[in-house]
Amino acid sequence: MLCRQVQRTLMLSFGGEIDGVELSDLSVGEVHPAPNAGHLVVEVIVSPHATESTLELMARLSAVTPRLRHALAQSISRKRVPELSFVPVAGGGA
């Protein structure tokens, strides 16, 4: 249930810009606990039409991770907000 909540919140966040950082070339795949719900791994799908490299887009994402965790804190009912790790995965054809 937590992974789904996190996935939904991140999907909304990835739709635009956070603190001047554009995330529209990224979308959220699956979210998995790693090793538990205190740390989540988020699969990130890079658009095939992205003009920047996957490495550059992941660096952008890393820069706004604190803001994404803040958004999560507002949308989930947990004492502690999970740490997030982002992993690029193949895809983006949809």
Protein backbone atom coordinates (compact mmCIF):
# COMPACT_ATOMS: atom_id res chain seq x y z
CA MET A 1 0.00 0.00 0.00
CA LEU A 2 2.80 2.45 0.87
CA CYS A 3 4.56 1.75 -2.44
CA ARG A 4 1.36 2.59 -4.35
CA GLN A 5 0.91 5.84 -2.41
CA VAL A 6 4.50 6.81 -3.12
CA GLN A 7 4.11 5.88 -6.79
CA ARG A 8 0.99 8.07 -7.17
CA THR A 9 2.57 11.05 -5.42
CA LEU A 10 5.74 10.83 -7.50
CA MET A 11 3.74 10.46 -10.73
CA LEU A 12 2.06 13.77 -9.99
CA SER A 13 5.37 15.42 -9.14
CA PHE A 14 7.10 14.16 -12.28
CA GLY A 15 4.49 15.84 -14.47
CA GLY A 16 6.18 19.22 -14.37
CA GLU A 17 8.76 21.33 -12.63
CA ILE A 18 10.07 21.26 -9.05
CA ASP A 19 12.17 24.15 -7.80
CA GLY A 20 12.99 25.11 -11.39
CA VAL A 21 13.99 21.55 -12.33
CA GLU A 22 12.01 20.07 -15.22
CA LEU A 23 11.06 16.41 -14.73
CA SER A 24 8.64 15.91 -17.62
CA ASP A 25 11.07 13.59 -19.47
CA LEU A 26 10.81 11.14 -16.58
CA SER A 27 7.99 8.89 -15.45
CA VAL A 28 7.59 6.56 -12.50
CA GLY A 29 7.62 2.80 -12.95
CA GLU A 30 7.37 0.41 -10.03
CA VAL A 31 8.23 1.27 -6.42
CA HIS A 32 9.77 -1.47 -4.27
CA PRO A 33 10.84 -1.68 -0.62
CA ALA A 34 14.59 -2.16 -0.32
CA PRO A 35 15.14 -3.83 2.10
CA ASN A 36 12.03 -2.56 3.91
CA ALA A 37 9.52 0.30 3.82
CA GLY A 38 12.09 2.65 5.36
CA HIS A 39 13.91 2.78 2.04
CA LEU A 40 12.20 2.56 -1.33
CA VAL A 41 13.64 2.01 -4.78
CA VAL A 42 11.79 3.90 -7.50
CA GLU A 43 12.13 2.71 -11.09
CA VAL A 44 12.38 5.75 -13.36
CA ILE A 45 11.53 5.55 -17.05
CA VAL A 46 13.26 8.10 -19.29
CA SER A 47 11.25 9.33 -22.26
CA PRO A 48 12.66 8.18 -25.60
CA HIS A 49 12.25 11.81 -26.73
CA ALA A 50 14.41 13.24 -23.93
CA THR A 51 17.04 15.69 -25.15
CA GLU A 52 19.32 15.06 -22.17
CA SER A 53 21.18 11.90 -21.28
CA THR A 54 19.86 9.52 -18.65
CA LEU A 55 22.81 10.48 -16.45
CA GLU A 56 21.91 14.20 -16.64
CA LEU A 57 18.24 13.51 -15.93
CA MET A 58 19.10 11.32 -12.94
CA ALA A 59 21.35 14.11 -11.60
CA ARG A 60 18.41 16.52 -11.88
CA LEU A 61 16.23 14.05 -10.03
CA SER A 62 18.82 13.66 -7.30
CA ALA A 63 18.88 17.43 -6.82
CA VAL A 64 15.14 17.56 -6.07
CA THR A 65 14.87 14.40 -3.97
CA PRO A 66 14.46 16.40 -0.72
CA ARG A 67 11.47 18.24 -2.25
CA LEU A 68 9.98 14.94 -3.42
CA ARG A 69 10.31 13.51 0.09
CA HIS A 70 8.60 16.64 1.42
CA ALA A 71 5.70 16.04 -0.98
CA LEU A 72 5.55 12.44 0.24
CA ALA A 73 5.44 13.58 3.85
CA GLN A 74 2.32 15.57 3.05
CA SER A 75 0.60 12.72 1.23
CA ILE A 76 1.29 9.65 3.36
CA SER A 77 0.43 8.82 6.96
CA ARG A 78 3.70 7.63 8.40
CA LYS A 79 5.87 8.75 11.25
CA ARG A 80 8.96 8.73 9.03
CA VAL A 81 9.17 9.44 5.33
CA PRO A 82 11.06 6.68 3.51
CA GLU A 83 14.42 7.32 1.92
CA LEU A 84 14.28 7.17 -1.87
CA SER A 85 16.66 5.71 -4.42
CA PHE A 86 16.03 6.15 -8.14
CA VAL A 87 17.03 3.58 -10.73
CA PRO A 88 16.63 4.13 -14.48
CA VAL A 89 14.96 1.23 -16.29
CA ALA A 90 14.44 0.37 -19.93
CA GLY A 91 11.11 1.44 -21.32
CA GLY A 92 9.36 4.60 -22.32
CA GLY A 93 7.68 3.25 -25.41
CA ALA A 94 4.17 3.78 -24.01
